[in-house]
Amino acid sequence: LLEALDAFVLELKKRYAIDIDEVDESFTSTAAEETLRAG
């Protein structure tokens, strides 16, 4: 997953003249699922 993510970010940088940034997304899927279940 990390290798594919690095390739994805590299390709984004090649394709677009747009700033690319990364953030730690640990537990976002878990938090999203909890938010949706609560809703």
Full PDB file with SEQRES, HELIX, SHEET, SSBOND, CRYST1, ORIGX, SCALE, CONECT and MASTER records, all heavy atoms in Angstrom:
SEQRES   1 A   39  LEU LEU GLU ALA LEU ASP ALA PHE VAL LEU GLU LEU LYS          
SEQRES   2 A   39  LYS ARG TYR ALA ILE ASP ILE ASP GLU VAL ASP GLU SER          
SEQRES   3 A   39  PHE THR SER THR ALA ALA GLU GLU THR LEU ARG ALA GLY          
HELIX    1 AA1 LEU A    2  ARG A   15  1                                  14    
HELIX    2 AA2 THR A   28  ALA A   38  1                                  11    
CRYST1    1.000    1.000    1.000  90.00  90.00  90.00 P 1           1          
ORIGX1      1.000000  0.000000  0.000000        0.00000                         
ORIGX2      0.000000  1.000000  0.000000        0.00000                         
ORIGX3      0.000000  0.000000  1.000000        0.00000                         
SCALE1      1.000000  0.000000  0.000000        0.00000                         
SCALE2      0.000000  1.000000  0.000000        0.00000                         
SCALE3      0.000000  0.000000  1.000000        0.00000                         
ATOM      1  N   LEU A   1       0.830  -1.200   0.000  1.00  0.00           N  
ATOM      2  CA  LEU A   1       0.000   0.000   0.000  1.00  0.00           C  
ATOM      3  C   LEU A   1       0.868   1.255   0.000  1.00  0.00           C  
ATOM      4  O   LEU A   1       0.631   2.188  -0.775  1.00  0.00           O  
ATOM      5  CB  LEU A   1      -0.941   0.018   1.214  1.00  0.00           C  
ATOM      6  CG  LEU A   1      -1.752   1.306   1.395  1.00  0.00           C  
ATOM      7  CD1 LEU A   1      -2.708   1.520   0.233  1.00  0.00           C  
ATOM      8  CD2 LEU A   1      -2.491   1.282   2.719  1.00  0.00           C  
ATOM      9  N   LEU A   2       1.896   1.273   0.831  1.00  0.00           N  
ATOM     10  CA  LEU A   2       2.787   2.437   0.891  1.00  0.00           C  
ATOM     11  C   LEU A   2       3.526   2.653  -0.426  1.00  0.00           C  
ATOM     12  O   LEU A   2       3.681   3.782  -0.887  1.00  0.00           O  
ATOM     13  CB  LEU A   2       3.774   2.291   2.047  1.00  0.00           C  
ATOM     14  CG  LEU A   2       3.170   2.326   3.455  1.00  0.00           C  
ATOM     15  CD1 LEU A   2       4.225   2.015   4.504  1.00  0.00           C  
ATOM     16  CD2 LEU A   2       2.499   3.654   3.727  1.00  0.00           C  
ATOM     17  N   GLU A   3       3.934   1.571  -1.056  1.00  0.00           N  
ATOM     18  CA  GLU A   3       4.618   1.673  -2.351  1.00  0.00           C  
ATOM     19  C   GLU A   3       3.675   2.225  -3.416  1.00  0.00           C  
ATOM     20  O   GLU A   3       4.035   3.120  -4.190  1.00  0.00           O  
ATOM     21  CB  GLU A   3       5.129   0.291  -2.763  1.00  0.00           C  
ATOM     22  CG  GLU A   3       5.931   0.285  -4.036  1.00  0.00           C  
ATOM     23  CD  GLU A   3       6.448  -1.111  -4.365  1.00  0.00           C  
ATOM     24  OE1 GLU A   3       6.979  -1.782  -3.463  1.00  0.00           O  
ATOM     25  OE2 GLU A   3       6.308  -1.510  -5.535  1.00  0.00           O  
ATOM     26  N   ALA A   4       2.443   1.718  -3.439  1.00  0.00           N  
ATOM     27  CA  ALA A   4       1.458   2.205  -4.406  1.00  0.00           C  
ATOM     28  C   ALA A   4       1.089   3.663  -4.122  1.00  0.00           C  
ATOM     29  O   ALA A   4       0.911   4.455  -5.059  1.00  0.00           O  
ATOM     30  CB  ALA A   4       0.207   1.324  -4.379  1.00  0.00           C  
ATOM     31  N   LEU A   5       1.010   4.023  -2.857  1.00  0.00           N  
ATOM     32  CA  LEU A   5       0.707   5.411  -2.485  1.00  0.00           C  
ATOM     33  C   LEU A   5       1.815   6.351  -2.942  1.00  0.00           C  
ATOM     34  O   LEU A   5       1.543   7.424  -3.495  1.00  0.00           O  
ATOM     35  CB  LEU A   5       0.502   5.529  -0.973  1.00  0.00           C  
ATOM     36  CG  LEU A   5       0.278   6.944  -0.454  1.00  0.00           C  
ATOM     37  CD1 LEU A   5      -1.021   7.527  -0.975  1.00  0.00           C  
ATOM     38  CD2 LEU A   5       0.308   6.963   1.060  1.00  0.00           C  
ATOM     39  N   ASP A   6       3.057   5.958  -2.735  1.00  0.00           N  
ATOM     40  CA  ASP A   6       4.185   6.786  -3.196  1.00  0.00           C  
ATOM     41  C   ASP A   6       4.135   6.995  -4.710  1.00  0.00           C  
ATOM     42  O   ASP A   6       4.375   8.095  -5.203  1.00  0.00           O  
ATOM     43  CB  ASP A   6       5.523   6.154  -2.789  1.00  0.00           C  
ATOM     44  CG  ASP A   6       5.778   6.243  -1.289  1.00  0.00           C  
ATOM     45  OD1 ASP A   6       5.158   7.093  -0.615  1.00  0.00           O  
ATOM     46  OD2 ASP A   6       6.608   5.456  -0.792  1.00  0.00           O  
ATOM     47  N   ALA A   7       3.805   5.935  -5.446  1.00  0.00           N  
ATOM     48  CA  ALA A   7       3.696   6.039  -6.902  1.00  0.00           C  
ATOM     49  C   ALA A   7       2.534   6.951  -7.289  1.00  0.00           C  
ATOM     50  O   ALA A   7       2.636   7.747  -8.231  1.00  0.00           O  
ATOM     51  CB  ALA A   7       3.515   4.654  -7.520  1.00  0.00           C  
ATOM     52  N   PHE A   8       1.426   6.876  -6.539  1.00  0.00           N  
ATOM     53  CA  PHE A   8       0.257   7.718  -6.787  1.00  0.00           C  
ATOM     54  C   PHE A   8       0.606   9.196  -6.595  1.00  0.00           C  
ATOM     55  O   PHE A   8       0.314  10.032  -7.444  1.00  0.00           O  
ATOM     56  CB  PHE A   8      -0.870   7.295  -5.840  1.00  0.00           C  
ATOM     57  CG  PHE A   8      -2.135   8.103  -5.961  1.00  0.00           C  
ATOM     58  CD1 PHE A   8      -2.945   8.000  -7.075  1.00  0.00           C  
ATOM     59  CD2 PHE A   8      -2.531   8.945  -4.927  1.00  0.00           C  
ATOM     60  CE1 PHE A   8      -4.122   8.739  -7.176  1.00  0.00           C  
ATOM     61  CE2 PHE A   8      -3.700   9.682  -5.017  1.00  0.00           C  
ATOM     62  CZ  PHE A   8      -4.502   9.572  -6.146  1.00  0.00           C  
ATOM     63  N   VAL A   9       1.272   9.510  -5.485  1.00  0.00           N  
ATOM     64  CA  VAL A   9       1.649  10.898  -5.200  1.00  0.00           C  
ATOM     65  C   VAL A   9       2.639  11.409  -6.249  1.00  0.00           C  
ATOM     66  O   VAL A   9       2.513  12.540  -6.737  1.00  0.00           O  
ATOM     67  CB  VAL A   9       2.215  11.029  -3.766  1.00  0.00           C  
ATOM     68  CG1 VAL A   9       2.835  12.403  -3.539  1.00  0.00           C  
ATOM     69  CG2 VAL A   9       1.121  10.746  -2.742  1.00  0.00           C  
ATOM     70  N   LEU A  10       3.594  10.583  -6.616  1.00  0.00           N  
ATOM     71  CA  LEU A  10       4.568  10.975  -7.643  1.00  0.00           C  
ATOM     72  C   LEU A  10       3.867  11.274  -8.974  1.00  0.00           C  
ATOM     73  O   LEU A  10       4.173  12.268  -9.638  1.00  0.00           O  
ATOM     74  CB  LEU A  10       5.617   9.881  -7.814  1.00  0.00           C  
ATOM     75  CG  LEU A  10       6.745  10.181  -8.787  1.00  0.00           C  
ATOM     76  CD1 LEU A  10       7.566  11.388  -8.326  1.00  0.00           C  
ATOM     77  CD2 LEU A  10       7.651   8.964  -8.930  1.00  0.00           C  
ATOM     78  N   GLU A  11       2.915  10.440  -9.345  1.00  0.00           N  
ATOM     79  CA  GLU A  11       2.183  10.656 -10.599  1.00  0.00           C  
ATOM     80  C   GLU A  11       1.323  11.919 -10.526  1.00  0.00           C  
ATOM     81  O   GLU A  11       1.219  12.656 -11.508  1.00  0.00           O  
ATOM     82  CB  GLU A  11       1.320   9.435 -10.941  1.00  0.00           C  
ATOM     83  CG  GLU A  11       0.642   9.518 -12.288  1.00  0.00           C  
ATOM     84  CD  GLU A  11       1.592   9.552 -13.486  1.00  0.00           C  
ATOM     85  OE1 GLU A  11       2.748   9.106 -13.367  1.00  0.00           O  
ATOM     86  OE2 GLU A  11       1.158  10.030 -14.559  1.00  0.00           O  
ATOM     87  N   LEU A  12       0.710  12.191  -9.369  1.00  0.00           N  
ATOM     88  CA  LEU A  12      -0.047  13.440  -9.199  1.00  0.00           C  
ATOM     89  C   LEU A  12       0.860  14.643  -9.457  1.00  0.00           C  
ATOM     90  O   LEU A  12       0.477  15.586 -10.146  1.00  0.00           O  
ATOM     91  CB  LEU A  12      -0.635  13.536  -7.788  1.00  0.00           C  
ATOM     92  CG  LEU A  12      -1.812  12.636  -7.436  1.00  0.00           C  
ATOM     93  CD1 LEU A  12      -2.105  12.719  -5.939  1.00  0.00           C  
ATOM     94  CD2 LEU A  12      -3.050  12.997  -8.252  1.00  0.00           C  
ATOM     95  N   LYS A  13       2.066  14.592  -8.886  1.00  0.00           N  
ATOM     96  CA  LYS A  13       3.017  15.704  -9.052  1.00  0.00           C  
ATOM     97  C   LYS A  13       3.425  15.879 -10.505  1.00  0.00           C  
ATOM     98  O   LYS A  13       3.613  16.997 -10.972  1.00  0.00           O  
ATOM     99  CB  LYS A  13       4.245  15.473  -8.172  1.00  0.00           C  
ATOM    100  CG  LYS A  13       3.942  15.635  -6.694  1.00  0.00           C  
ATOM    101  CD  LYS A  13       5.154  15.327  -5.826  1.00  0.00           C  
ATOM    102  CE  LYS A  13       4.794  15.500  -4.355  1.00  0.00           C  
ATOM    103  NZ  LYS A  13       5.916  15.184  -3.470  1.00  0.00           N  
ATOM    104  N   LYS A  14       3.554  14.758 -11.236  1.00  0.00           N  
ATOM    105  CA  LYS A  14       3.936  14.826 -12.649  1.00  0.00           C  
ATOM    106  C   LYS A  14       2.810  15.374 -13.517  1.00  0.00           C  
ATOM    107  O   LYS A  14       3.060  16.110 -14.460  1.00  0.00           O  
ATOM    108  CB  LYS A  14       4.304  13.427 -13.169  1.00  0.00           C  
ATOM    109  CG  LYS A  14       5.635  12.919 -12.698  1.00  0.00           C  
ATOM    110  CD  LYS A  14       5.868  11.540 -13.288  1.00  0.00           C  
ATOM    111  CE  LYS A  14       7.138  10.907 -12.775  1.00  0.00           C  
ATOM    112  NZ  LYS A  14       7.289   9.534 -13.294  1.00  0.00           N  
ATOM    113  N   ARG A  15       1.561  15.005 -13.200  1.00  0.00           N  
ATOM    114  CA  ARG A  15       0.422  15.334 -14.054  1.00  0.00           C  
ATOM    115  C   ARG A  15      -0.082  16.761 -13.898  1.00  0.00           C  
ATOM    116  O   ARG A  15      -0.588  17.334 -14.858  1.00  0.00           O  
ATOM    117  CB  ARG A  15      -0.752  14.391 -13.745  1.00  0.00           C  
ATOM    118  CG  ARG A  15      -0.597  13.035 -14.336  1.00  0.00           C  
ATOM    119  CD  ARG A  15      -1.784  12.154 -13.924  1.00  0.00           C  
ATOM    120  NE  ARG A  15      -1.672  10.879 -14.554  1.00  0.00           N  
ATOM    121  CZ  ARG A  15      -2.336  10.506 -15.643  1.00  0.00           C  
ATOM    122  NH1 ARG A  15      -3.191  11.308 -16.207  1.00  0.00           N  
ATOM    123  NH2 ARG A  15      -2.152   9.310 -16.165  1.00  0.00           N  
ATOM    124  N   TYR A  16       0.000  17.291 -12.685  1.00  0.00           N  
ATOM    125  CA  TYR A  16      -0.688  18.551 -12.416  1.00  0.00           C  
ATOM    126  C   TYR A  16       0.272  19.602 -11.860  1.00  0.00           C  
ATOM    127  O   TYR A  16       1.118  19.308 -11.040  1.00  0.00           O  
ATOM    128  CB  TYR A  16      -1.825  18.342 -11.409  1.00  0.00           C  
ATOM    129  CG  TYR A  16      -2.692  17.147 -11.753  1.00  0.00           C  
ATOM    130  CD1 TYR A  16      -2.745  16.041 -10.914  1.00  0.00           C  
ATOM    131  CD2 TYR A  16      -3.449  17.116 -12.924  1.00  0.00           C  
ATOM    132  CE1 TYR A  16      -3.532  14.937 -11.218  1.00  0.00           C  
ATOM    133  CE2 TYR A  16      -4.232  16.016 -13.245  1.00  0.00           C  
ATOM    134  CZ  TYR A  16      -4.267  14.942 -12.382  1.00  0.00           C  
ATOM    135  OH  TYR A  16      -5.033  13.846 -12.697  1.00  0.00           O  
ATOM    136  N   ALA A  17       0.080  20.812 -12.297  1.00  0.00           N  
ATOM    137  CA  ALA A  17       0.864  21.942 -11.778  1.00  0.00           C  
ATOM    138  C   ALA A  17       0.127  22.502 -10.563  1.00  0.00           C  
ATOM    139  O   ALA A  17      -0.290  23.652 -10.532  1.00  0.00           O  
ATOM    140  CB  ALA A  17       1.029  23.007 -12.850  1.00  0.00           C  
ATOM    141  N   ILE A  18      -0.050  21.627  -9.583  1.00  0.00           N  
ATOM    142  CA  ILE A  18      -0.807  21.949  -8.373  1.00  0.00           C  
ATOM    143  C   ILE A  18       0.027  21.480  -7.185  1.00  0.00           C  
ATOM    144  O   ILE A  18       0.683  20.434  -7.253  1.00  0.00           O  
ATOM    145  CB  ILE A  18      -2.164  21.202  -8.363  1.00  0.00           C  
ATOM    146  CG1 ILE A  18      -3.015  21.592  -9.573  1.00  0.00           C  
ATOM    147  CG2 ILE A  18      -2.931  21.469  -7.070  1.00  0.00           C  
ATOM    148  CD1 ILE A  18      -4.259  20.741  -9.745  1.00  0.00           C  
ATOM    149  N   ASP A  19      -0.003  22.229  -6.097  1.00  0.00           N  
ATOM    150  CA  ASP A  19       0.669  21.779  -4.882  1.00  0.00           C  
ATOM    151  C   ASP A  19       0.029  20.481  -4.406  1.00  0.00           C  
ATOM    152  O   ASP A  19      -1.195  20.334  -4.423  1.00  0.00           O  
ATOM    153  CB  ASP A  19       0.553  22.832  -3.774  1.00  0.00           C  
ATOM    154  CG  ASP A  19       1.398  24.063  -4.042  1.00  0.00           C  
ATOM    155  OD1 ASP A  19       2.392  23.951  -4.797  1.00  0.00           O  
ATOM    156  OD2 ASP A  19       1.064  25.129  -3.501  1.00  0.00           O  
ATOM    157  N   ILE A  20       0.879  19.560  -3.977  1.00  0.00           N  
ATOM    158  CA  ILE A  20       0.425  18.279  -3.431  1.00  0.00           C  
ATOM    159  C   ILE A  20       0.952  18.202  -2.009  1.00  0.00           C  
ATOM    160  O   ILE A  20       2.129  18.474  -1.770  1.00  0.00           O  
ATOM    161  CB  ILE A  20       0.986  17.074  -4.229  1.00  0.00           C  
ATOM    162  CG1 ILE A  20       0.816  17.248  -5.745  1.00  0.00           C  
ATOM    163  CG2 ILE A  20       0.389  15.772  -3.726  1.00  0.00           C  
ATOM    164  CD1 ILE A  20      -0.565  17.141  -6.275  1.00  0.00           C  
ATOM    165  N   ASP A  21       0.085  17.830  -1.081  1.00  0.00           N  
ATOM    166  CA  ASP A  21       0.520  17.685   0.305  1.00  0.00           C  
ATOM    167  C   ASP A  21      -0.054  16.389   0.853  1.00  0.00           C  
ATOM    168  O   ASP A  21      -1.009  15.838   0.301  1.00  0.00           O  
ATOM    169  CB  ASP A  21       0.050  18.881   1.141  1.00  0.00           C  
ATOM    170  CG  ASP A  21       0.928  19.119   2.364  1.00  0.00           C  
ATOM    171  OD1 ASP A  21       1.825  18.291   2.642  1.00  0.00           O  
ATOM    172  OD2 ASP A  21       0.716  20.132   3.044  1.00  0.00           O  
ATOM    173  N   GLU A  22       0.542  15.908   1.928  1.00  0.00           N  
ATOM    174  CA  GLU A  22       0.082  14.680   2.558  1.00  0.00           C  
ATOM    175  C   GLU A  22      -0.170  14.942   4.036  1.00  0.00           C  
ATOM    176  O   GLU A  22       0.480  15.796   4.637  1.00  0.00           O  
ATOM    177  CB  GLU A  22       1.144  13.579   2.422  1.00  0.00           C  
ATOM    178  CG  GLU A  22       1.440  13.204   0.990  1.00  0.00           C  
ATOM    179  CD  GLU A  22       2.522  12.142   0.885  1.00  0.00           C  
ATOM    180  OE1 GLU A  22       2.537  11.201   1.684  1.00  0.00           O  
ATOM    181  OE2 GLU A  22       3.371  12.270  -0.016  1.00  0.00           O  
ATOM    182  N   VAL A  23      -1.130  14.203   4.593  1.00  0.00           N  
ATOM    183  CA  VAL A  23      -1.390  14.262   6.030  1.00  0.00           C  
ATOM    184  C   VAL A  23      -1.524  12.837   6.548  1.00  0.00           C  
ATOM    185  O   VAL A  23      -1.883  11.924   5.807  1.00  0.00           O  
ATOM    186  CB  VAL A  23      -2.664  15.062   6.392  1.00  0.00           C  
ATOM    187  CG1 VAL A  23      -2.529  16.517   6.034  1.00  0.00           C  
ATOM    188  CG2 VAL A  23      -3.896  14.471   5.771  1.00  0.00           C  
ATOM    189  N   ASP A  24      -1.235  12.679   7.799  1.00  0.00           N  
ATOM    190  CA  ASP A  24      -1.399  11.376   8.452  1.00  0.00           C  
ATOM    191  C   ASP A  24      -2.888  11.047   8.483  1.00  0.00           C  
ATOM    192  O   ASP A  24      -3.683  11.809   9.014  1.00  0.00           O  
ATOM    193  CB  ASP A  24      -0.833  11.441   9.873  1.00  0.00           C  
ATOM    194  CG  ASP A  24      -0.991  10.143  10.641  1.00  0.00           C  
ATOM    195  OD1 ASP A  24      -1.363   9.117  10.036  1.00  0.00           O  
ATOM    196  OD2 ASP A  24      -0.754  10.158  11.858  1.00  0.00           O  
ATOM    197  N   GLU A  25      -3.239   9.927   7.887  1.00  0.00           N  
ATOM    198  CA  GLU A  25      -4.645   9.554   7.837  1.00  0.00           C  
ATOM    199  C   GLU A  25      -4.944   8.343   8.709  1.00  0.00           C  
ATOM    200  O   GLU A  25      -5.949   7.673   8.503  1.00  0.00           O  
ATOM    201  CB  GLU A  25      -5.077   9.314   6.393  1.00  0.00           C  
ATOM    202  CG  GLU A  25      -4.329   8.215   5.702  1.00  0.00           C  
ATOM    203  CD  GLU A  25      -5.194   7.005   5.392  1.00  0.00           C  
ATOM    204  OE1 GLU A  25      -6.411   7.101   5.385  1.00  0.00           O  
ATOM    205  OE2 GLU A  25      -4.605   5.948   5.163  1.00  0.00           O  
ATOM    206  N   SER A  26      -4.100   8.100   9.689  1.00  0.00           N  
ATOM    207  CA  SER A  26      -4.338   6.973  10.576  1.00  0.00           C  
ATOM    208  C   SER A  26      -5.731   7.084  11.183  1.00  0.00           C  
ATOM    209  O   SER A  26      -6.109   8.134  11.688  1.00  0.00           O  
ATOM    210  CB  SER A  26      -3.296   6.945  11.684  1.00  0.00           C  
ATOM    211  OG  SER A  26      -2.001   6.848  11.136  1.00  0.00           O  
ATOM    212  N   PHE A  27      -6.479   6.038  11.083  1.00  0.00           N  
ATOM    213  CA  PHE A  27      -7.802   5.896  11.699  1.00  0.00           C  
ATOM    214  C   PHE A  27      -8.904   6.719  11.040  1.00  0.00           C  
ATOM    215  O   PHE A  27     -10.010   6.794  11.571  1.00  0.00           O  
ATOM    216  CB  PHE A  27      -7.746   6.208  13.205  1.00  0.00           C  
ATOM    217  CG  PHE A  27      -6.678   5.445  13.928  1.00  0.00           C  
ATOM    218  CD1 PHE A  27      -5.568   6.093  14.433  1.00  0.00           C  
ATOM    219  CD2 PHE A  27      -6.755   4.065  14.068  1.00  0.00           C  
ATOM    220  CE1 PHE A  27      -4.570   5.388  15.081  1.00  0.00           C  
ATOM    221  CE2 PHE A  27      -5.767   3.355  14.711  1.00  0.00           C  
ATOM    222  CZ  PHE A  27      -4.666   4.020  15.231  1.00  0.00           C  
ATOM    223  N   THR A  28      -8.655   7.368   9.888  1.00  0.00           N  
ATOM    224  CA  THR A  28      -9.740   8.142   9.276  1.00  0.00           C  
ATOM    225  C   THR A  28     -10.867   7.235   8.791  1.00  0.00           C  
ATOM    226  O   THR A  28     -12.035   7.603   8.910  1.00  0.00           O  
ATOM    227  CB  THR A  28      -9.256   9.023   8.106  1.00  0.00           C  
ATOM    228  OG1 THR A  28      -8.592   8.204   7.149  1.00  0.00           O  
ATOM    229  CG2 THR A  28      -8.360  10.141   8.580  1.00  0.00           C  
ATOM    230  N   SER A  29     -10.541   6.061   8.267  1.00  0.00           N  
ATOM    231  CA  SER A  29     -11.601   5.161   7.810  1.00  0.00           C  
ATOM    232  C   SER A  29     -12.437   4.671   8.987  1.00  0.00           C  
ATOM    233  O   SER A  29     -13.667   4.588   8.898  1.00  0.00           O  
ATOM    234  CB  SER A  29     -11.016   3.974   7.038  1.00  0.00           C  
ATOM    235  OG  SER A  29     -10.460   4.423   5.826  1.00  0.00           O  
ATOM    236  N   THR A  30     -11.790   4.382  10.101  1.00  0.00           N  
ATOM    237  CA  THR A  30     -12.516   3.966  11.302  1.00  0.00           C  
ATOM    238  C   THR A  30     -13.402   5.094  11.803  1.00  0.00           C  
ATOM    239  O   THR A  30     -14.575   4.887  12.129  1.00  0.00           O  
ATOM    240  CB  THR A  30     -11.525   3.538  12.405  1.00  0.00           C  
ATOM    241  OG1 THR A  30     -10.714   2.472  11.893  1.00  0.00           O  
ATOM    242  CG2 THR A  30     -12.255   3.074  13.644  1.00  0.00           C  
ATOM    243  N   ALA A  31     -12.861   6.309  11.849  1.00  0.00           N  
ATOM    244  CA  ALA A  31     -13.641   7.464  12.300  1.00  0.00           C  
ATOM    245  C   ALA A  31     -14.797   7.735  11.338  1.00  0.00           C  
ATOM    246  O   ALA A  31     -15.907   8.069  11.773  1.00  0.00           O  
ATOM    247  CB  ALA A  31     -12.742   8.688  12.409  1.00  0.00           C  
ATOM    248  N   ALA A  32     -14.566   7.592  10.047  1.00  0.00           N  
ATOM    249  CA  ALA A  32     -15.619   7.813   9.063  1.00  0.00           C  
ATOM    250  C   ALA A  32     -16.747   6.802   9.250  1.00  0.00           C  
ATOM    251  O   ALA A  32     -17.929   7.166   9.213  1.00  0.00           O  
ATOM    252  CB  ALA A  32     -15.045   7.714   7.652  1.00  0.00           C  
ATOM    253  N   GLU A  33     -16.388   5.554   9.458  1.00  0.00           N  
ATOM    254  CA  GLU A  33     -17.400   4.521   9.656  1.00  0.00           C  
ATOM    255  C   GLU A  33     -18.210   4.793  10.915  1.00  0.00           C  
ATOM    256  O   GLU A  33     -19.441   4.683  10.913  1.00  0.00           O  
ATOM    257  CB  GLU A  33     -16.741   3.144   9.725  1.00  0.00           C  
ATOM    258  CG  GLU A  33     -17.729   2.007   9.740  1.00  0.00           C  
ATOM    259  CD  GLU A  33     -17.077   0.648   9.555  1.00  0.00           C  
ATOM    260  OE1 GLU A  33     -15.837   0.569   9.436  1.00  0.00           O  
ATOM    261  OE2 GLU A  33     -17.821  -0.330   9.521  1.00  0.00           O  
ATOM    262  N   GLU A  34     -17.548   5.198  11.983  1.00  0.00           N  
ATOM    263  CA  GLU A  34     -18.258   5.517  13.226  1.00  0.00           C  
ATOM    264  C   GLU A  34     -19.194   6.706  13.034  1.00  0.00           C  
ATOM    265  O   GLU A  34     -20.327   6.701  13.528  1.00  0.00           O  
ATOM    266  CB  GLU A  34     -17.258   5.799  14.349  1.00  0.00           C  
ATOM    267  CG  GLU A  34     -16.523   4.566  14.815  1.00  0.00           C  
ATOM    268  CD  GLU A  34     -15.402   4.862  15.802  1.00  0.00           C  
ATOM    269  OE1 GLU A  34     -15.267   6.025  16.245  1.00  0.00           O  
ATOM    270  OE2 GLU A  34     -14.672   3.921  16.141  1.00  0.00           O  
ATOM    271  N   THR A  35     -18.743   7.720  12.303  1.00  0.00           N  
ATOM    272  CA  THR A  35     -19.571   8.900  12.025  1.00  0.00           C  
ATOM    273  C   THR A  35     -20.808   8.508  11.233  1.00  0.00           C  
ATOM    274  O   THR A  35     -21.932   8.928  11.554  1.00  0.00           O  
ATOM    275  CB  THR A  35     -18.754   9.950  11.243  1.00  0.00           C  
ATOM    276  OG1 THR A  35     -17.646  10.360  12.040  1.00  0.00           O  
ATOM    277  CG2 THR A  35     -19.598  11.159  10.872  1.00  0.00           C  
ATOM    278  N   LEU A  36     -20.627   7.695  10.213  1.00  0.00           N  
ATOM    279  CA  LEU A  36     -21.759   7.271   9.393  1.00  0.00           C  
ATOM    280  C   LEU A  36     -22.718   6.379  10.180  1.00  0.00           C  
ATOM    281  O   LEU A  36     -23.941   6.508  10.046  1.00  0.00           O  
ATOM    282  CB  LEU A  36     -21.259   6.556   8.135  1.00  0.00           C  
ATOM    283  CG  LEU A  36     -20.611   7.467   7.098  1.00  0.00           C  
ATOM    284  CD1 LEU A  36     -19.908   6.643   6.027  1.00  0.00           C  
ATOM    285  CD2 LEU A  36     -21.635   8.393   6.479  1.00  0.00           C  
ATOM    286  N   ARG A  37     -22.197   5.485  10.994  1.00  0.00           N  
ATOM    287  CA  ARG A  37     -23.067   4.620  11.811  1.00  0.00           C  
ATOM    288  C   ARG A  37     -23.897   5.453  12.787  1.00  0.00           C  
ATOM    289  O   ARG A  37     -25.081   5.209  12.980  1.00  0.00           O  
ATOM    290  CB  ARG A  37     -22.240   3.585  12.566  1.00  0.00           C  
ATOM    291  CG  ARG A  37     -21.757   2.459  11.709  1.00  0.00           C  
ATOM    292  CD  ARG A  37     -21.161   1.330  12.560  1.00  0.00           C  
ATOM    293  NE  ARG A  37     -20.402   0.428  11.744  1.00  0.00           N  
ATOM    294  CZ  ARG A  37     -20.923  -0.486  10.924  1.00  0.00           C  
ATOM    295  NH1 ARG A  37     -22.222  -0.594  10.816  1.00  0.00           N  
ATOM    296  NH2 ARG A  37     -20.145  -1.275  10.215  1.00  0.00           N  
ATOM    297  N   ALA A  38     -23.246   6.427  13.413  1.00  0.00           N  
ATOM    298  CA  ALA A  38     -23.968   7.288  14.349  1.00  0.00           C  
ATOM    299  C   ALA A  38     -25.061   8.072  13.618  1.00  0.00           C  
ATOM    300  O   ALA A  38     -26.185   8.201  14.117  1.00  0.00           O  
ATOM    301  CB  ALA A  38     -22.999   8.250  15.036  1.00  0.00           C  
ATOM    302  N   GLY A  39     -24.744   8.594  12.440  1.00  0.00           N  
ATOM    303  CA  GLY A  39     -25.738   9.317  11.657  1.00  0.00           C  
ATOM    304  C   GLY A  39     -26.884   8.436  11.221  1.00  0.00           C  
ATOM    305  O   GLY A  39     -28.044   8.855  11.220  1.00  0.00           O  
TER     306      GLY A  39                                                      
MASTER        0    0    0    2    0    0    0    6  305    1    0    3          
END                                                                             
